[in-house]
Amino acid sequence: MIDWSEYAKFFIGLLAIVNPIGIVPVFVGLTRNLTDSERNTVGLRASLTVGIVLIVALLMGDSLLGFFGISLDSFRVAGGILILLMAISMLHGGMSPAKQTSEEAQDAEEKENIAVVPLGMPLLAGPGAVSTIIIYAHRGHGLTHYALLLSIALALAILTWLSLRAAPMIAEKLGRTGLNIVTRIMGLILAAIGVEFMANGIKQLLPGLS
C-alpha cells in the first residue's frame, strides 16, 4: 500500500484524464435529438462503460503487459508521452486525437448507439486512463491497495454519470469559455503527471542518467 497522498494524486489525475466536464459539449451535441430520458440512459451506459474499462485494466493490466513482453518502465514512458500529448491538446482547449480523430467524430454522429463507443470508450475511458490505472496498480501490493484503486474507479464512474446527467445545465451555466477553462486546468495537471511518468520510467531504464 502506498502513501495516502498518492491515492489522492491518482484520483485527481484520473479525473483530469477522463475529464467528464470537458466531454459535456460533445455529449450534448451527440444527444441533441434525444429525449431527456433517452439522454440519461445514454449517460448511464457510458458511465458504466467507464467503470468496467477501468476495472478490467486494473485487474488484467499486468497480464496484458506480460503477454506482450512489455516492461513496466517502458510502459511508463509510453504512457507518459501519451498523457503529455493529451495535455498539450487540452491546454489549447481542444480534444486530443488520442481520444477521438475527426473521422471518428463524424462516425459518432451517424451511430444510433453511442453510449459504449465512442462515449464510454475512447472519449472517457481512453488509452490515457487505461495507462494510468495500470501504472498505479504497480505502485503497491495487497488487497487493500487494489480495493482503494477499485473504489477510485467506481467513484469516477459515478462522477461521470452525475456530470452527464447534468450536462445540459452545465453547458448552459459554464458556456464555451467556462468549459475551456476547466479543460485547460485539467490539461496542466495532466502535463505534470505525464512528465512524472516519463521521468520515472527513463530513470529505471537508464539508471546512469539519475
Protein backbone atom coordinates (compact mmCIF):
# COMPACT_ATOMS: atom_id res chain seq x y z
CA MET A 1 0.00 0.00 0.00
CA ILE A 2 1.36 3.43 -0.92
CA ASP A 3 1.04 6.78 0.82
CA TRP A 4 -2.47 8.26 1.02
CA SER A 5 -1.34 11.34 -0.91
CA GLU A 6 -0.51 9.08 -3.85
CA TYR A 7 -4.07 7.78 -3.95
CA ALA A 8 -5.35 11.36 -3.90
CA LYS A 9 -2.99 12.22 -6.75
CA PHE A 10 -4.17 9.15 -8.66
CA PHE A 11 -7.81 10.18 -8.28
CA ILE A 12 -7.13 13.77 -9.39
CA GLY A 13 -5.00 12.60 -12.29
CA LEU A 14 -7.56 10.06 -13.48
CA LEU A 15 -10.31 12.66 -13.13
CA ALA A 16 -8.27 15.03 -15.30
CA ILE A 17 -7.75 12.34 -17.94
CA VAL A 18 -11.38 11.20 -18.10
CA ASN A 19 -12.47 14.86 -17.79
CA PRO A 20 -16.26 14.32 -17.56
CA ILE A 21 -16.85 18.10 -17.55
CA GLY A 22 -14.82 18.59 -20.72
CA ILE A 23 -16.85 15.95 -22.55
CA VAL A 24 -20.13 17.80 -21.87
CA PRO A 25 -20.23 19.73 -25.21
CA VAL A 26 -19.62 16.51 -27.15
CA PHE A 27 -22.25 14.64 -25.15
CA VAL A 28 -24.84 17.38 -25.60
CA GLY A 29 -24.11 17.53 -29.33
CA LEU A 30 -24.38 13.77 -29.83
CA THR A 31 -27.63 13.51 -27.85
CA ARG A 32 -29.31 16.68 -29.10
CA ASN A 33 -32.09 14.72 -30.84
CA LEU A 34 -32.87 12.52 -27.82
CA THR A 35 -35.44 13.00 -25.09
CA ASP A 36 -34.28 13.68 -21.52
CA SER A 37 -34.98 10.06 -20.58
CA GLU A 38 -33.02 8.71 -23.54
CA ARG A 39 -30.14 11.10 -22.84
CA ASN A 40 -29.98 9.93 -19.23
CA THR A 41 -29.92 6.31 -20.37
CA VAL A 42 -27.01 7.02 -22.72
CA GLY A 43 -25.17 8.80 -19.90
CA LEU A 44 -25.71 5.87 -17.54
CA ARG A 45 -24.45 3.32 -20.06
CA ALA A 46 -21.41 5.47 -20.88
CA SER A 47 -20.61 5.78 -17.16
CA LEU A 48 -20.95 2.02 -16.66
CA THR A 49 -18.57 1.53 -19.57
CA VAL A 50 -16.03 3.82 -17.87
CA GLY A 51 -16.21 1.79 -14.67
CA ILE A 52 -15.94 -1.56 -16.46
CA VAL A 53 -12.99 -0.49 -18.64
CA LEU A 54 -11.06 0.88 -15.67
CA ILE A 55 -11.73 -2.19 -13.52
CA VAL A 56 -10.69 -4.56 -16.33
CA ALA A 57 -7.50 -2.53 -16.85
CA LEU A 58 -6.79 -2.65 -13.12
CA LEU A 59 -7.25 -6.42 -12.87
CA MET A 60 -5.89 -7.51 -16.26
CA GLY A 61 -3.24 -4.88 -16.97
CA ASP A 62 -0.35 -6.89 -15.54
CA SER A 63 -1.32 -9.94 -17.61
CA LEU A 64 -1.50 -7.83 -20.78
CA LEU A 65 1.97 -6.40 -20.21
CA GLY A 66 3.33 -9.90 -19.59
CA PHE A 67 1.60 -11.29 -22.68
CA PHE A 68 3.21 -8.70 -24.95
CA GLY A 69 6.54 -8.81 -23.12
CA ILE A 70 6.42 -5.10 -22.21
CA SER A 71 8.32 -3.92 -19.15
CA LEU A 72 6.57 -1.61 -16.72
CA ASP A 73 9.23 1.07 -17.17
CA SER A 74 8.79 1.09 -20.95
CA PHE A 75 5.05 1.32 -20.41
CA ARG A 76 5.59 4.26 -18.03
CA VAL A 77 7.50 6.18 -20.70
CA ALA A 78 4.94 5.37 -23.41
CA GLY A 79 2.03 6.24 -21.11
CA GLY A 80 3.72 9.47 -20.09
CA ILE A 81 4.18 10.52 -23.71
CA LEU A 82 0.54 9.73 -24.49
CA ILE A 83 -0.70 11.68 -21.47
CA LEU A 84 1.57 14.62 -22.30
CA LEU A 85 0.21 14.75 -25.87
CA MET A 86 -3.34 14.74 -24.49
CA ALA A 87 -2.39 17.52 -22.06
CA ILE A 88 -0.99 19.71 -24.82
CA SER A 89 -4.24 19.40 -26.79
CA MET A 90 -6.26 20.22 -23.66
CA LEU A 91 -4.10 23.27 -22.93
CA HIS A 92 -5.10 24.53 -26.36
CA GLY A 93 -8.76 23.98 -25.47
CA GLY A 94 -9.21 21.07 -27.84
CA MET A 95 -9.65 17.30 -27.73
CA SER A 96 -6.62 15.12 -28.30
CA PRO A 97 -6.58 12.87 -31.40
CA ALA A 98 -5.57 10.14 -28.93
CA LYS A 99 -9.17 10.25 -27.74
CA GLN A 100 -11.00 10.94 -30.99
CA THR A 101 -9.96 11.76 -34.55
CA SER A 102 -12.08 13.85 -36.89
CA GLU A 103 -13.11 10.69 -38.76
CA GLU A 104 -14.28 9.08 -35.52
CA ALA A 105 -16.20 12.22 -34.60
CA GLN A 106 -18.02 12.05 -37.95
CA ASP A 107 -18.73 8.36 -37.44
CA ALA A 108 -20.12 9.07 -33.95
CA GLU A 109 -22.66 11.47 -35.46
CA GLU A 110 -24.05 8.60 -37.54
CA LYS A 111 -24.18 5.95 -34.78
CA GLU A 112 -27.51 5.07 -33.22
CA ASN A 113 -25.98 3.66 -30.02
CA ILE A 114 -23.18 5.96 -28.88
CA ALA A 115 -23.11 5.12 -25.17
CA VAL A 116 -20.35 2.49 -25.24
CA VAL A 117 -18.49 3.66 -28.37
CA PRO A 118 -17.41 6.41 -28.67
CA LEU A 119 -18.60 8.00 -25.39
CA GLY A 120 -17.63 5.34 -22.85
CA MET A 121 -14.51 4.40 -24.77
CA PRO A 122 -12.37 6.08 -26.02
CA LEU A 123 -13.76 9.56 -25.25
CA LEU A 124 -13.97 8.98 -21.48
CA ALA A 125 -12.02 5.82 -20.60
CA GLY A 126 -9.42 6.05 -23.34
CA PRO A 127 -5.79 4.95 -23.65
CA GLY A 128 -4.61 7.60 -21.18
CA ALA A 129 -6.92 6.40 -18.41
CA VAL A 130 -6.06 2.75 -19.06
CA SER A 131 -2.31 3.50 -18.98
CA THR A 132 -2.62 5.47 -15.75
CA ILE A 133 -4.52 2.82 -13.80
CA ILE A 134 -2.13 0.06 -14.93
CA ILE A 135 0.89 2.12 -13.84
CA TYR A 136 -0.61 2.98 -10.45
CA ALA A 137 -1.61 -0.65 -9.89
CA HIS A 138 2.11 -1.49 -9.81
CA ARG A 139 2.88 1.11 -7.14
CA GLY A 140 1.54 -1.05 -4.33
CA HIS A 141 0.59 -4.58 -3.37
CA GLY A 142 -2.09 -6.35 -1.44
CA LEU A 143 -5.86 -6.44 -1.26
CA THR A 144 -6.18 -3.01 0.38
CA HIS A 145 -4.22 -1.33 -2.42
CA TYR A 146 -6.39 -2.85 -5.14
CA ALA A 147 -9.57 -2.19 -3.17
CA LEU A 148 -8.69 1.50 -2.95
CA LEU A 149 -7.93 1.72 -6.67
CA LEU A 150 -11.19 -0.12 -7.38
CA SER A 151 -13.07 2.37 -5.19
CA ILE A 152 -11.49 5.28 -7.06
CA ALA A 153 -12.52 3.78 -10.41
CA LEU A 154 -16.09 3.33 -9.19
CA ALA A 155 -16.18 6.85 -7.73
CA LEU A 156 -15.01 8.23 -11.06
CA ALA A 157 -17.75 6.32 -12.89
CA ILE A 158 -20.33 7.82 -10.52
CA LEU A 159 -18.94 11.34 -11.02
CA THR A 160 -19.07 10.77 -14.77
CA TRP A 161 -22.72 9.73 -14.54
CA LEU A 162 -23.57 12.83 -12.47
CA SER A 163 -21.78 15.09 -14.96
CA LEU A 164 -23.52 13.56 -17.98
CA ARG A 165 -26.90 13.66 -16.26
CA ALA A 166 -26.43 17.36 -15.59
CA ALA A 167 -24.74 18.01 -18.96
CA PRO A 168 -27.38 20.42 -20.41
CA MET A 169 -27.31 22.52 -17.22
CA ILE A 170 -23.50 22.50 -17.05
CA ALA A 171 -23.23 23.55 -20.70
CA GLU A 172 -25.70 26.38 -20.11
CA LYS A 173 -24.10 27.64 -16.88
CA LEU A 174 -20.42 27.43 -17.86
CA GLY A 175 -20.70 28.16 -21.55
CA ARG A 176 -17.88 27.52 -24.02
CA THR A 177 -15.44 29.78 -22.16
CA GLY A 178 -16.03 28.13 -18.80
CA LEU A 179 -15.66 24.64 -20.25
CA ASN A 180 -12.41 25.65 -21.96
CA ILE A 181 -11.05 26.98 -18.67
CA VAL A 182 -11.82 23.66 -16.93
CA THR A 183 -10.24 21.75 -19.81
CA ARG A 184 -7.04 23.83 -19.65
CA ILE A 185 -6.73 23.37 -15.89
CA MET A 186 -7.12 19.61 -16.32
CA GLY A 187 -4.54 19.75 -19.13
CA LEU A 188 -2.00 21.42 -16.86
CA ILE A 189 -2.46 18.67 -14.24
CA LEU A 190 -2.11 16.04 -16.94
CA ALA A 191 1.11 17.57 -18.26
CA ALA A 192 2.72 17.27 -14.82
CA ILE A 193 1.58 13.64 -14.48
CA GLY A 194 2.86 12.76 -17.95
CA VAL A 195 6.29 14.25 -17.23
CA GLU A 196 6.47 12.36 -13.92
CA PHE A 197 5.61 9.05 -15.60
CA MET A 198 8.28 9.59 -18.26
CA ALA A 199 10.91 10.67 -15.74
CA ASN A 200 10.34 7.63 -13.52
CA GLY A 201 10.41 5.26 -16.47
CA ILE A 202 13.56 6.74 -18.00
CA LYS A 203 15.28 6.73 -14.59
CA GLN A 204 14.75 2.95 -14.35
CA LEU A 205 15.56 2.19 -17.98
CA LEU A 206 18.69 4.37 -17.97
CA PRO A 207 19.95 4.41 -14.36
CA GLY A 208 23.14 6.17 -15.40
CA LEU A 209 21.16 9.36 -16.03
CA SER A 210 19.94 9.66 -12.43
